[in-house]
Amino acid sequence: MKKIDINTLSYSDILAGSKKYVKYEKRDAVYKVATFLVGHFWYKPPEIADAVGTLLLIWNQAHYRYCNFDLDFQALEGFLVKNETSLIGLRQRSISTYDLKRDGAAIKNLFNDMLIVLRCAKRKSPVAVSKALHLLAPDFFPIWDNDIAMVHSCYWYYSDDAARKYLEFMEKMKVLSERIISTYRQKNGTDRETARAAICKGASSNVPFMKSLLKVIDEYNYSYTKYSKRP
Protein backbone atom coordinates (compact mmCIF):
# COMPACT_ATOMS: atom_id res chain seq x y z
CA MET A 1 0.00 0.00 0.00
CA LYS A 2 1.27 3.48 -0.89
CA LYS A 3 2.73 5.44 2.01
CA ILE A 4 0.93 8.55 3.23
CA ASP A 5 2.76 11.83 2.68
CA ILE A 6 1.44 13.98 5.52
CA ASN A 7 2.93 17.10 3.91
CA THR A 8 0.43 16.93 1.06
CA LEU A 9 -2.73 16.57 3.15
CA SER A 10 -5.24 19.28 4.00
CA TYR A 11 -8.15 19.48 6.40
CA SER A 12 -10.55 18.66 3.54
CA ASP A 13 -8.71 15.36 2.88
CA ILE A 14 -9.01 14.42 6.54
CA LEU A 15 -12.71 15.27 6.69
CA ALA A 16 -13.37 13.28 3.51
CA GLY A 17 -11.68 10.25 5.03
CA SER A 18 -13.61 10.69 8.26
CA LYS A 19 -16.88 10.84 6.32
CA LYS A 20 -16.04 7.57 4.59
CA TYR A 21 -15.15 5.98 7.93
CA VAL A 22 -18.53 6.94 9.38
CA LYS A 23 -20.24 5.51 6.31
CA TYR A 24 -18.61 2.09 6.41
CA GLU A 25 -17.28 1.38 9.92
CA LYS A 26 -20.16 0.02 11.99
CA ARG A 27 -18.04 -1.03 14.97
CA ASP A 28 -17.53 2.60 15.96
CA ALA A 29 -20.64 2.40 18.16
CA VAL A 30 -18.54 0.87 20.92
CA TYR A 31 -16.21 3.89 20.81
CA LYS A 32 -19.17 6.17 21.55
CA VAL A 33 -20.18 4.08 24.55
CA ALA A 34 -16.65 3.64 25.90
CA THR A 35 -15.89 7.36 25.50
CA PHE A 36 -19.04 8.26 27.43
CA LEU A 37 -18.27 5.80 30.22
CA VAL A 38 -14.66 6.94 30.65
CA GLY A 39 -15.78 10.57 30.83
CA HIS A 40 -18.69 9.84 33.15
CA PHE A 41 -16.63 7.76 35.59
CA TRP A 42 -13.39 9.77 35.45
CA TYR A 43 -11.32 8.99 37.61
CA LYS A 44 -12.78 5.75 38.97
CA PRO A 45 -10.39 2.94 37.96
CA PRO A 46 -12.83 -0.03 38.17
CA GLU A 47 -15.38 1.60 35.87
CA ILE A 48 -12.74 3.01 33.52
CA ALA A 49 -11.16 -0.44 33.25
CA ASP A 50 -14.56 -1.87 32.28
CA ALA A 51 -14.98 0.75 29.55
CA VAL A 52 -11.48 0.34 28.12
CA GLY A 53 -11.63 -3.45 28.31
CA THR A 54 -14.98 -3.64 26.57
CA LEU A 55 -13.72 -1.51 23.69
CA LEU A 56 -10.62 -3.67 23.30
CA LEU A 57 -12.52 -6.96 23.30
CA ILE A 58 -14.57 -5.68 20.37
CA TRP A 59 -12.10 -3.49 18.48
CA ASN A 60 -9.18 -5.84 19.05
CA GLN A 61 -10.94 -9.18 18.93
CA ALA A 62 -8.30 -10.60 16.56
CA HIS A 63 -5.81 -10.35 19.43
CA TYR A 64 -8.01 -11.60 22.27
CA ARG A 65 -9.37 -14.63 20.48
CA TYR A 66 -6.08 -16.37 21.34
CA CYS A 67 -7.05 -16.40 25.02
CA ASN A 68 -10.80 -16.89 24.67
CA PHE A 69 -11.35 -13.14 25.09
CA ASP A 70 -9.98 -13.31 28.63
CA LEU A 71 -8.65 -9.79 29.25
CA ASP A 72 -7.20 -9.20 32.72
CA PHE A 73 -9.49 -6.41 33.99
CA GLN A 74 -7.87 -6.53 37.43
CA ALA A 75 -4.43 -5.85 35.95
CA LEU A 76 -5.88 -3.02 33.86
CA GLU A 77 -7.44 -1.49 36.96
CA GLY A 78 -4.09 -1.78 38.74
CA PHE A 79 -2.40 0.07 35.87
CA LEU A 80 -4.95 2.87 36.21
CA VAL A 81 -4.40 3.14 39.96
CA LYS A 82 -0.62 3.15 39.61
CA ASN A 83 -0.60 5.83 36.88
CA GLU A 84 -3.46 8.02 38.08
CA THR A 85 -1.48 11.27 38.36
CA SER A 86 0.17 10.85 34.97
CA LEU A 87 -3.03 9.91 33.14
CA ILE A 88 -5.05 12.75 34.67
CA GLY A 89 -2.40 15.18 33.44
CA LEU A 90 -2.17 13.65 29.97
CA ARG A 91 -5.95 13.71 29.52
CA GLN A 92 -5.78 17.50 29.74
CA ARG A 93 -3.10 17.82 27.04
CA SER A 94 -3.24 17.85 23.24
CA ILE A 95 -0.80 16.28 20.80
CA SER A 96 0.48 19.79 20.00
CA THR A 97 2.21 19.82 23.41
CA TYR A 98 4.06 16.54 22.83
CA ASP A 99 7.84 16.86 23.08
CA LEU A 100 10.10 13.84 22.72
CA LYS A 101 12.81 15.07 25.08
CA ARG A 102 10.34 15.98 27.81
CA ASP A 103 7.73 13.23 27.35
CA GLY A 104 9.48 10.36 25.59
CA ALA A 105 10.73 8.36 28.57
CA ALA A 106 7.47 8.59 30.52
CA ILE A 107 5.32 7.65 27.52
CA LYS A 108 7.62 4.76 26.67
CA ASN A 109 7.23 3.44 30.22
CA LEU A 110 3.44 3.77 30.07
CA PHE A 111 3.35 2.03 26.71
CA ASN A 112 5.54 -0.88 27.80
CA ASP A 113 3.63 -1.33 31.07
CA MET A 114 0.36 -1.42 29.14
CA LEU A 115 1.82 -4.01 26.75
CA ILE A 116 2.18 -6.36 29.70
CA VAL A 117 -1.24 -5.54 31.16
CA LEU A 118 -3.05 -6.15 27.86
CA ARG A 119 -1.16 -9.25 26.76
CA CYS A 120 -3.13 -12.32 25.77
CA ALA A 121 -1.62 -15.79 26.16
CA LYS A 122 1.82 -14.11 26.30
CA ARG A 123 1.08 -12.31 23.02
CA LYS A 124 1.53 -8.54 23.17
CA SER A 125 -0.48 -6.06 21.12
CA PRO A 126 0.91 -2.56 20.42
CA VAL A 127 -2.42 -1.91 18.66
CA ALA A 128 -4.41 -2.57 21.84
CA VAL A 129 -2.10 -0.29 23.80
CA SER A 130 -2.66 2.66 21.45
CA LYS A 131 -6.43 2.21 21.60
CA ALA A 132 -6.43 2.05 25.39
CA LEU A 133 -4.17 5.07 25.80
CA HIS A 134 -6.22 7.05 23.31
CA LEU A 135 -9.43 6.37 25.19
CA LEU A 136 -7.77 7.63 28.38
CA ALA A 137 -6.28 10.77 26.75
CA PRO A 138 -8.00 11.21 23.35
CA ASP A 139 -6.39 14.57 22.50
CA PHE A 140 -2.87 13.34 23.27
CA PHE A 141 -2.51 9.68 22.22
CA PRO A 142 -3.12 8.73 18.57
CA ILE A 143 -4.49 5.35 17.48
CA TRP A 144 -2.67 3.02 15.14
CA ASP A 145 -2.97 -0.50 13.85
CA ASN A 146 -0.60 -2.59 11.74
CA ASP A 147 -1.64 -1.04 8.42
CA ILE A 148 -1.72 2.52 9.72
CA ALA A 149 1.75 2.14 11.21
CA MET A 150 2.96 0.73 7.89
CA VAL A 151 1.67 3.56 5.69
CA HIS A 152 3.27 6.08 8.05
CA SER A 153 6.61 4.17 8.08
CA CYS A 154 6.35 3.48 11.80
CA TYR A 155 5.81 -0.27 11.77
CA TRP A 156 7.34 -2.37 14.58
CA TYR A 157 8.75 -5.81 13.79
CA TYR A 158 8.88 -7.04 17.37
CA SER A 159 6.81 -5.85 20.31
CA ASP A 160 9.80 -4.73 22.39
CA ASP A 161 10.51 -2.06 19.76
CA ALA A 162 6.90 -0.88 19.51
CA ALA A 163 7.19 1.89 22.11
CA ARG A 164 10.00 3.57 20.18
CA LYS A 165 8.03 3.37 16.94
CA TYR A 166 4.95 4.73 18.69
CA LEU A 167 6.94 7.81 19.74
CA GLU A 168 7.83 8.30 16.06
CA PHE A 169 4.16 7.91 15.17
CA MET A 170 3.19 10.50 17.78
CA GLU A 171 5.61 12.99 16.26
CA LYS A 172 4.13 12.43 12.81
CA MET A 173 0.58 12.80 14.06
CA LYS A 174 1.60 16.02 15.81
CA VAL A 175 2.95 17.37 12.50
CA LEU A 176 -0.17 16.21 10.67
CA SER A 177 -2.53 17.77 13.20
CA GLU A 178 -0.70 21.10 12.92
CA ARG A 179 -0.85 20.93 9.13
CA ILE A 180 -4.58 20.24 9.19
CA ILE A 181 -5.21 23.25 11.40
CA SER A 182 -2.89 25.40 9.29
CA THR A 183 -4.61 24.57 6.00
CA TYR A 184 -8.01 25.37 7.53
CA ARG A 185 -6.73 28.71 8.80
CA GLN A 186 -5.22 29.58 5.44
CA LYS A 187 -8.54 29.09 3.72
CA ASN A 188 -10.88 30.48 6.38
CA GLY A 189 -8.79 33.10 8.15
CA THR A 190 -9.61 31.96 11.68
CA ASP A 191 -7.50 31.60 14.80
CA ARG A 192 -5.99 28.26 15.74
CA GLU A 193 -8.54 27.16 18.32
CA THR A 194 -11.50 28.10 16.12
CA ALA A 195 -9.98 26.10 13.27
CA ARG A 196 -9.45 23.03 15.44
CA ALA A 197 -12.98 23.18 16.82
CA ALA A 198 -14.51 23.64 13.38
CA ILE A 199 -12.67 20.62 11.97
CA CYS A 200 -13.67 18.41 14.91
CA LYS A 201 -17.26 19.62 14.82
CA GLY A 202 -17.44 18.90 11.09
CA ALA A 203 -16.54 15.26 11.77
CA SER A 204 -18.73 14.77 14.85
CA SER A 205 -22.27 14.74 13.48
CA ASN A 206 -22.56 11.00 14.17
CA VAL A 207 -21.71 11.21 17.90
CA PRO A 208 -23.21 13.05 20.90
CA PHE A 209 -19.84 14.65 21.76
CA MET A 210 -17.01 16.48 20.05
CA LYS A 211 -14.40 14.11 18.66
CA SER A 212 -10.77 14.89 19.31
CA LEU A 213 -8.67 15.88 16.33
CA LEU A 214 -6.66 12.68 16.77
CA LYS A 215 -9.84 10.61 16.46
CA VAL A 216 -10.70 12.41 13.23
CA ILE A 217 -7.19 11.74 11.96
CA ASP A 218 -7.51 8.07 12.89
CA GLU A 219 -10.74 7.87 10.89
CA TYR A 220 -8.86 9.23 7.89
CA ASN A 221 -5.95 6.80 8.43
CA TYR A 222 -8.29 3.84 8.84
CA SER A 223 -10.30 4.76 5.75
CA TYR A 224 -7.12 5.13 3.73
CA THR A 225 -5.99 1.61 4.63
CA LYS A 226 -9.41 -0.12 4.55
CA TYR A 227 -11.85 1.82 2.36
CA SER A 228 -9.77 3.72 -0.20
CA LYS A 229 -11.31 1.75 -3.07
CA ARG A 230 -14.89 2.39 -1.95
CA PRO A 231 -16.87 5.44 -3.11
C-alpha atoms as a PDB file:
ATOM      1  CA  MET A   1       0.000   0.000   0.000  1.00  0.00           C
ATOM      2  CA  LYS A   2       1.271   3.477  -0.890  1.00  0.00           C
ATOM      3  CA  LYS A   3       2.733   5.437   2.014  1.00  0.00           C
ATOM      4  CA  ILE A   4       0.927   8.548   3.229  1.00  0.00           C
ATOM      5  CA  ASP A   5       2.757  11.830   2.678  1.00  0.00           C
ATOM      6  CA  ILE A   6       1.443  13.977   5.521  1.00  0.00           C
ATOM      7  CA  ASN A   7       2.929  17.097   3.909  1.00  0.00           C
ATOM      8  CA  THR A   8       0.430  16.926   1.056  1.00  0.00           C
ATOM      9  CA  LEU A   9      -2.732  16.569   3.153  1.00  0.00           C
ATOM     10  CA  SER A  10      -5.242  19.285   3.999  1.00  0.00           C
ATOM     11  CA  TYR A  11      -8.151  19.482   6.398  1.00  0.00           C
ATOM     12  CA  SER A  12     -10.546  18.664   3.543  1.00  0.00           C
ATOM     13  CA  ASP A  13      -8.715  15.359   2.877  1.00  0.00           C
ATOM     14  CA  ILE A  14      -9.009  14.417   6.544  1.00  0.00           C
ATOM     15  CA  LEU A  15     -12.708  15.269   6.689  1.00  0.00           C
ATOM     16  CA  ALA A  16     -13.370  13.283   3.511  1.00  0.00           C
ATOM     17  CA  GLY A  17     -11.676  10.251   5.031  1.00  0.00           C
ATOM     18  CA  SER A  18     -13.611  10.694   8.260  1.00  0.00           C
ATOM     19  CA  LYS A  19     -16.876  10.838   6.319  1.00  0.00           C
ATOM     20  CA  LYS A  20     -16.036   7.566   4.588  1.00  0.00           C
ATOM     21  CA  TYR A  21     -15.155   5.981   7.931  1.00  0.00           C
ATOM     22  CA  VAL A  22     -18.531   6.936   9.378  1.00  0.00           C
ATOM     23  CA  LYS A  23     -20.244   5.515   6.310  1.00  0.00           C
ATOM     24  CA  TYR A  24     -18.611   2.093   6.414  1.00  0.00           C
ATOM     25  CA  GLU A  25     -17.278   1.385   9.922  1.00  0.00           C
ATOM     26  CA  LYS A  26     -20.155   0.023  11.989  1.00  0.00           C
ATOM     27  CA  ARG A  27     -18.039  -1.028  14.975  1.00  0.00           C
ATOM     28  CA  ASP A  28     -17.531   2.596  15.961  1.00  0.00           C
ATOM     29  CA  ALA A  29     -20.644   2.404  18.158  1.00  0.00           C
ATOM     30  CA  VAL A  30     -18.535   0.868  20.919  1.00  0.00           C
ATOM     31  CA  TYR A  31     -16.212   3.893  20.814  1.00  0.00           C
ATOM     32  CA  LYS A  32     -19.169   6.171  21.546  1.00  0.00           C
ATOM     33  CA  VAL A  33     -20.182   4.075  24.546  1.00  0.00           C
ATOM     34  CA  ALA A  34     -16.649   3.644  25.903  1.00  0.00           C
ATOM     35  CA  THR A  35     -15.893   7.360  25.503  1.00  0.00           C
ATOM     36  CA  PHE A  36     -19.039   8.264  27.428  1.00  0.00           C
ATOM     37  CA  LEU A  37     -18.268   5.801  30.219  1.00  0.00           C
ATOM     38  CA  VAL A  38     -14.661   6.940  30.646  1.00  0.00           C
ATOM     39  CA  GLY A  39     -15.775  10.568  30.829  1.00  0.00           C
ATOM     40  CA  HIS A  40     -18.688   9.842  33.148  1.00  0.00           C
ATOM     41  CA  PHE A  41     -16.625   7.760  35.590  1.00  0.00           C
ATOM     42  CA  TRP A  42     -13.391   9.771  35.447  1.00  0.00           C
ATOM     43  CA  TYR A  43     -11.324   8.990  37.608  1.00  0.00           C
ATOM     44  CA  LYS A  44     -12.777   5.752  38.969  1.00  0.00           C
ATOM     45  CA  PRO A  45     -10.388   2.937  37.960  1.00  0.00           C
ATOM     46  CA  PRO A  46     -12.831  -0.026  38.169  1.00  0.00           C
ATOM     47  CA  GLU A  47     -15.378   1.604  35.866  1.00  0.00           C
ATOM     48  CA  ILE A  48     -12.744   3.011  33.518  1.00  0.00           C
ATOM     49  CA  ALA A  49     -11.158  -0.445  33.247  1.00  0.00           C
ATOM     50  CA  ASP A  50     -14.556  -1.867  32.283  1.00  0.00           C
ATOM     51  CA  ALA A  51     -14.976   0.754  29.547  1.00  0.00           C
ATOM     52  CA  VAL A  52     -11.483   0.339  28.116  1.00  0.00           C
ATOM     53  CA  GLY A  53     -11.628  -3.454  28.307  1.00  0.00           C
ATOM     54  CA  THR A  54     -14.978  -3.639  26.570  1.00  0.00           C
ATOM     55  CA  LEU A  55     -13.720  -1.510  23.692  1.00  0.00           C
ATOM     56  CA  LEU A  56     -10.620  -3.667  23.304  1.00  0.00           C
ATOM     57  CA  LEU A  57     -12.516  -6.957  23.305  1.00  0.00           C
ATOM     58  CA  ILE A  58     -14.572  -5.683  20.368  1.00  0.00           C
ATOM     59  CA  TRP A  59     -12.098  -3.489  18.480  1.00  0.00           C
ATOM     60  CA  ASN A  60      -9.176  -5.842  19.047  1.00  0.00           C
ATOM     61  CA  GLN A  61     -10.937  -9.180  18.929  1.00  0.00           C
ATOM     62  CA  ALA A  62      -8.300 -10.601  16.562  1.00  0.00           C
ATOM     63  CA  HIS A  63      -5.807 -10.350  19.429  1.00  0.00           C
ATOM     64  CA  TYR A  64      -8.013 -11.600  22.271  1.00  0.00           C
ATOM     65  CA  ARG A  65      -9.372 -14.629  20.478  1.00  0.00           C
ATOM     66  CA  TYR A  66      -6.084 -16.368  21.335  1.00  0.00           C
ATOM     67  CA  CYS A  67      -7.050 -16.404  25.016  1.00  0.00           C
ATOM     68  CA  ASN A  68     -10.797 -16.890  24.671  1.00  0.00           C
ATOM     69  CA  PHE A  69     -11.350 -13.143  25.088  1.00  0.00           C
ATOM     70  CA  ASP A  70      -9.981 -13.311  28.626  1.00  0.00           C
ATOM     71  CA  LEU A  71      -8.651  -9.787  29.252  1.00  0.00           C
ATOM     72  CA  ASP A  72      -7.203  -9.198  32.724  1.00  0.00           C
ATOM     73  CA  PHE A  73      -9.490  -6.406  33.990  1.00  0.00           C
ATOM     74  CA  GLN A  74      -7.867  -6.528  37.434  1.00  0.00           C
ATOM     75  CA  ALA A  75      -4.433  -5.849  35.947  1.00  0.00           C
ATOM     76  CA  LEU A  76      -5.884  -3.021  33.856  1.00  0.00           C
ATOM     77  CA  GLU A  77      -7.439  -1.485  36.961  1.00  0.00           C
ATOM     78  CA  GLY A  78      -4.087  -1.783  38.738  1.00  0.00           C
ATOM     79  CA  PHE A  79      -2.401   0.067  35.871  1.00  0.00           C
ATOM     80  CA  LEU A  80      -4.945   2.870  36.210  1.00  0.00           C
ATOM     81  CA  VAL A  81      -4.396   3.142  39.960  1.00  0.00           C
ATOM     82  CA  LYS A  82      -0.616   3.154  39.606  1.00  0.00           C
ATOM     83  CA  ASN A  83      -0.603   5.832  36.877  1.00  0.00           C
ATOM     84  CA  GLU A  84      -3.460   8.024  38.076  1.00  0.00           C
ATOM     85  CA  THR A  85      -1.485  11.265  38.361  1.00  0.00           C
ATOM     86  CA  SER A  86       0.168  10.852  34.965  1.00  0.00           C
ATOM     87  CA  LEU A  87      -3.025   9.913  33.145  1.00  0.00           C
ATOM     88  CA  ILE A  88      -5.054  12.750  34.666  1.00  0.00           C
ATOM     89  CA  GLY A  89      -2.403  15.178  33.443  1.00  0.00           C
ATOM     90  CA  LEU A  90      -2.169  13.645  29.972  1.00  0.00           C
ATOM     91  CA  ARG A  91      -5.947  13.715  29.524  1.00  0.00           C
ATOM     92  CA  GLN A  92      -5.775  17.502  29.739  1.00  0.00           C
ATOM     93  CA  ARG A  93      -3.105  17.822  27.038  1.00  0.00           C
ATOM     94  CA  SER A  94      -3.242  17.849  23.244  1.00  0.00           C
ATOM     95  CA  ILE A  95      -0.797  16.285  20.798  1.00  0.00           C
ATOM     96  CA  SER A  96       0.481  19.787  19.999  1.00  0.00           C
ATOM     97  CA  THR A  97       2.214  19.821  23.408  1.00  0.00           C
ATOM     98  CA  TYR A  98       4.059  16.539  22.829  1.00  0.00           C
ATOM     99  CA  ASP A  99       7.845  16.856  23.084  1.00  0.00           C
ATOM    100  CA  LEU A 100      10.099  13.839  22.720  1.00  0.00           C
ATOM    101  CA  LYS A 101      12.807  15.073  25.078  1.00  0.00           C
ATOM    102  CA  ARG A 102      10.339  15.979  27.813  1.00  0.00           C
ATOM    103  CA  ASP A 103       7.732  13.230  27.354  1.00  0.00           C
ATOM    104  CA  GLY A 104       9.475  10.357  25.593  1.00  0.00           C
ATOM    105  CA  ALA A 105      10.729   8.356  28.574  1.00  0.00           C
ATOM    106  CA  ALA A 106       7.467   8.590  30.520  1.00  0.00           C
ATOM    107  CA  ILE A 107       5.321   7.650  27.521  1.00  0.00           C
ATOM    108  CA  LYS A 108       7.620   4.756  26.669  1.00  0.00           C
ATOM    109  CA  ASN A 109       7.229   3.437  30.216  1.00  0.00           C
ATOM    110  CA  LEU A 110       3.438   3.766  30.074  1.00  0.00           C
ATOM    111  CA  PHE A 111       3.351   2.026  26.706  1.00  0.00           C
ATOM    112  CA  ASN A 112       5.538  -0.884  27.804  1.00  0.00           C
ATOM    113  CA  ASP A 113       3.626  -1.332  31.068  1.00  0.00           C
ATOM    114  CA  MET A 114       0.357  -1.424  29.140  1.00  0.00           C
ATOM    115  CA  LEU A 115       1.820  -4.006  26.747  1.00  0.00           C
ATOM    116  CA  ILE A 116       2.180  -6.363  29.701  1.00  0.00           C
ATOM    117  CA  VAL A 117      -1.241  -5.545  31.155  1.00  0.00           C
ATOM    118  CA  LEU A 118      -3.053  -6.150  27.862  1.00  0.00           C
ATOM    119  CA  ARG A 119      -1.163  -9.253  26.758  1.00  0.00           C
ATOM    120  CA  CYS A 120      -3.127 -12.319  25.772  1.00  0.00           C
ATOM    121  CA  ALA A 121      -1.617 -15.792  26.159  1.00  0.00           C
ATOM    122  CA  LYS A 122       1.822 -14.110  26.295  1.00  0.00           C
ATOM    123  CA  ARG A 123       1.076 -12.314  23.019  1.00  0.00           C
ATOM    124  CA  LYS A 124       1.533  -8.540  23.170  1.00  0.00           C
ATOM    125  CA  SER A 125      -0.475  -6.056  21.117  1.00  0.00           C
ATOM    126  CA  PRO A 126       0.906  -2.562  20.419  1.00  0.00           C
ATOM    127  CA  VAL A 127      -2.415  -1.910  18.660  1.00  0.00           C
ATOM    128  CA  ALA A 128      -4.408  -2.573  21.836  1.00  0.00           C
ATOM    129  CA  VAL A 129      -2.101  -0.289  23.796  1.00  0.00           C
ATOM    130  CA  SER A 130      -2.657   2.664  21.451  1.00  0.00           C
ATOM    131  CA  LYS A 131      -6.425   2.213  21.599  1.00  0.00           C
ATOM    132  CA  ALA A 132      -6.431   2.048  25.386  1.00  0.00           C
ATOM    133  CA  LEU A 133      -4.170   5.070  25.805  1.00  0.00           C
ATOM    134  CA  HIS A 134      -6.216   7.054  23.311  1.00  0.00           C
ATOM    135  CA  LEU A 135      -9.430   6.367  25.185  1.00  0.00           C
ATOM    136  CA  LEU A 136      -7.775   7.634  28.378  1.00  0.00           C
ATOM    137  CA  ALA A 137      -6.280  10.766  26.748  1.00  0.00           C
ATOM    138  CA  PRO A 138      -7.995  11.210  23.353  1.00  0.00           C
ATOM    139  CA  ASP A 139      -6.390  14.565  22.502  1.00  0.00           C
ATOM    140  CA  PHE A 140      -2.866  13.341  23.272  1.00  0.00           C
ATOM    141  CA  PHE A 141      -2.508   9.683  22.223  1.00  0.00           C
ATOM    142  CA  PRO A 142      -3.119   8.733  18.574  1.00  0.00           C
ATOM    143  CA  ILE A 143      -4.487   5.351  17.476  1.00  0.00           C
ATOM    144  CA  TRP A 144      -2.666   3.016  15.142  1.00  0.00           C
ATOM    145  CA  ASP A 145      -2.970  -0.499  13.848  1.00  0.00           C
ATOM    146  CA  ASN A 146      -0.603  -2.592  11.739  1.00  0.00           C
ATOM    147  CA  ASP A 147      -1.643  -1.045   8.419  1.00  0.00           C
ATOM    148  CA  ILE A 148      -1.717   2.523   9.722  1.00  0.00           C
ATOM    149  CA  ALA A 149       1.749   2.144  11.209  1.00  0.00           C
ATOM    150  CA  MET A 150       2.958   0.726   7.893  1.00  0.00           C
ATOM    151  CA  VAL A 151       1.671   3.565   5.693  1.00  0.00           C
ATOM    152  CA  HIS A 152       3.274   6.079   8.051  1.00  0.00           C
ATOM    153  CA  SER A 153       6.607   4.171   8.075  1.00  0.00           C
ATOM    154  CA  CYS A 154       6.351   3.477  11.802  1.00  0.00           C
ATOM    155  CA  TYR A 155       5.812  -0.274  11.767  1.00  0.00           C
ATOM    156  CA  TRP A 156       7.342  -2.369  14.578  1.00  0.00           C
ATOM    157  CA  TYR A 157       8.748  -5.814  13.788  1.00  0.00           C
ATOM    158  CA  TYR A 158       8.882  -7.043  17.374  1.00  0.00           C
ATOM    159  CA  SER A 159       6.810  -5.846  20.307  1.00  0.00           C
ATOM    160  CA  ASP A 160       9.800  -4.726  22.391  1.00  0.00           C
ATOM    161  CA  ASP A 161      10.509  -2.063  19.760  1.00  0.00           C
ATOM    162  CA  ALA A 162       6.896  -0.879  19.512  1.00  0.00           C
ATOM    163  CA  ALA A 163       7.185   1.892  22.107  1.00  0.00           C
ATOM    164  CA  ARG A 164      10.000   3.565  20.180  1.00  0.00           C
ATOM    165  CA  LYS A 165       8.035   3.367  16.936  1.00  0.00           C
ATOM    166  CA  TYR A 166       4.952   4.733  18.691  1.00  0.00           C
ATOM    167  CA  LEU A 167       6.936   7.807  19.738  1.00  0.00           C
ATOM    168  CA  GLU A 168       7.834   8.297  16.063  1.00  0.00           C
ATOM    169  CA  PHE A 169       4.164   7.911  15.173  1.00  0.00           C
ATOM    170  CA  MET A 170       3.190  10.502  17.782  1.00  0.00           C
ATOM    171  CA  GLU A 171       5.610  12.987  16.261  1.00  0.00           C
ATOM    172  CA  LYS A 172       4.134  12.427  12.805  1.00  0.00           C
ATOM    173  CA  MET A 173       0.581  12.799  14.060  1.00  0.00           C
ATOM    174  CA  LYS A 174       1.604  16.018  15.807  1.00  0.00           C
ATOM    175  CA  VAL A 175       2.951  17.367  12.503  1.00  0.00           C
ATOM    176  CA  LEU A 176      -0.166  16.213  10.672  1.00  0.00           C
ATOM    177  CA  SER A 177      -2.531  17.775  13.202  1.00  0.00           C
ATOM    178  CA  GLU A 178      -0.703  21.102  12.920  1.00  0.00           C
ATOM    179  CA  ARG A 179      -0.846  20.928   9.133  1.00  0.00           C
ATOM    180  CA  ILE A 180      -4.584  20.236   9.191  1.00  0.00           C
ATOM    181  CA  ILE A 181      -5.207  23.249  11.399  1.00  0.00           C
ATOM    182  CA  SER A 182      -2.886  25.405   9.288  1.00  0.00           C
ATOM    183  CA  THR A 183      -4.614  24.566   5.996  1.00  0.00           C
ATOM    184  CA  TYR A 184      -8.006  25.373   7.530  1.00  0.00           C
ATOM    185  CA  ARG A 185      -6.732  28.715   8.804  1.00  0.00           C
ATOM    186  CA  GLN A 186      -5.217  29.581   5.442  1.00  0.00           C
ATOM    187  CA  LYS A 187      -8.543  29.088   3.715  1.00  0.00           C
ATOM    188  CA  ASN A 188     -10.878  30.479   6.375  1.00  0.00           C
ATOM    189  CA  GLY A 189      -8.787  33.098   8.153  1.00  0.00           C
ATOM    190  CA  THR A 190      -9.606  31.958  11.678  1.00  0.00           C
ATOM    191  CA  ASP A 191      -7.498  31.597  14.798  1.00  0.00           C
ATOM    192  CA  ARG A 192      -5.987  28.261  15.738  1.00  0.00           C
ATOM    193  CA  GLU A 193      -8.544  27.164  18.321  1.00  0.00           C
ATOM    194  CA  THR A 194     -11.505  28.105  16.116  1.00  0.00           C
ATOM    195  CA  ALA A 195      -9.980  26.105  13.269  1.00  0.00           C
ATOM    196  CA  ARG A 196      -9.448  23.031  15.435  1.00  0.00           C
ATOM    197  CA  ALA A 197     -12.975  23.180  16.823  1.00  0.00           C
ATOM    198  CA  ALA A 198     -14.513  23.636  13.378  1.00  0.00           C
ATOM    199  CA  ILE A 199     -12.672  20.615  11.971  1.00  0.00           C
ATOM    200  CA  CYS A 200     -13.667  18.412  14.908  1.00  0.00           C
ATOM    201  CA  LYS A 201     -17.261  19.617  14.816  1.00  0.00           C
ATOM    202  CA  GLY A 202     -17.444  18.898  11.093  1.00  0.00           C
ATOM    203  CA  ALA A 203     -16.542  15.259  11.770  1.00  0.00           C
ATOM    204  CA  SER A 204     -18.731  14.768  14.851  1.00  0.00           C
ATOM    205  CA  SER A 205     -22.272  14.739  13.476  1.00  0.00           C
ATOM    206  CA  ASN A 206     -22.564  10.997  14.174  1.00  0.00           C
ATOM    207  CA  VAL A 207     -21.714  11.208  17.895  1.00  0.00           C
ATOM    208  CA  PRO A 208     -23.208  13.045  20.900  1.00  0.00           C
ATOM    209  CA  PHE A 209     -19.839  14.648  21.762  1.00  0.00           C
ATOM    210  CA  MET A 210     -17.006  16.479  20.052  1.00  0.00           C
ATOM    211  CA  LYS A 211     -14.396  14.111  18.656  1.00  0.00           C
ATOM    212  CA  SER A 212     -10.766  14.886  19.308  1.00  0.00           C
ATOM    213  CA  LEU A 213      -8.671  15.882  16.329  1.00  0.00           C
ATOM    214  CA  LEU A 214      -6.656  12.679  16.770  1.00  0.00           C
ATOM    215  CA  LYS A 215      -9.841  10.608  16.464  1.00  0.00           C
ATOM    216  CA  VAL A 216     -10.702  12.405  13.234  1.00  0.00           C
ATOM    217  CA  ILE A 217      -7.185  11.740  11.959  1.00  0.00           C
ATOM    218  CA  ASP A 218      -7.513   8.069  12.890  1.00  0.00           C
ATOM    219  CA  GLU A 219     -10.738   7.867  10.894  1.00  0.00           C
ATOM    220  CA  TYR A 220      -8.855   9.229   7.886  1.00  0.00           C
ATOM    221  CA  ASN A 221      -5.951   6.796   8.433  1.00  0.00           C
ATOM    222  CA  TYR A 222      -8.295   3.842   8.838  1.00  0.00           C
ATOM    223  CA  SER A 223     -10.300   4.756   5.751  1.00  0.00           C
ATOM    224  CA  TYR A 224      -7.116   5.127   3.732  1.00  0.00           C
ATOM    225  CA  THR A 225      -5.995   1.609   4.626  1.00  0.00           C
ATOM    226  CA  LYS A 226      -9.414  -0.117   4.548  1.00  0.00           C
ATOM    227  CA  TYR A 227     -11.852   1.825   2.356  1.00  0.00           C
ATOM    228  CA  SER A 228      -9.767   3.723  -0.199  1.00  0.00           C
ATOM    229  CA  LYS A 229     -11.315   1.746  -3.074  1.00  0.00           C
ATOM    230  CA  ARG A 230     -14.894   2.388  -1.947  1.00  0.00           C
ATOM    231  CA  PRO A 231     -16.869   5.436  -3.108  1.00  0.00           C
END
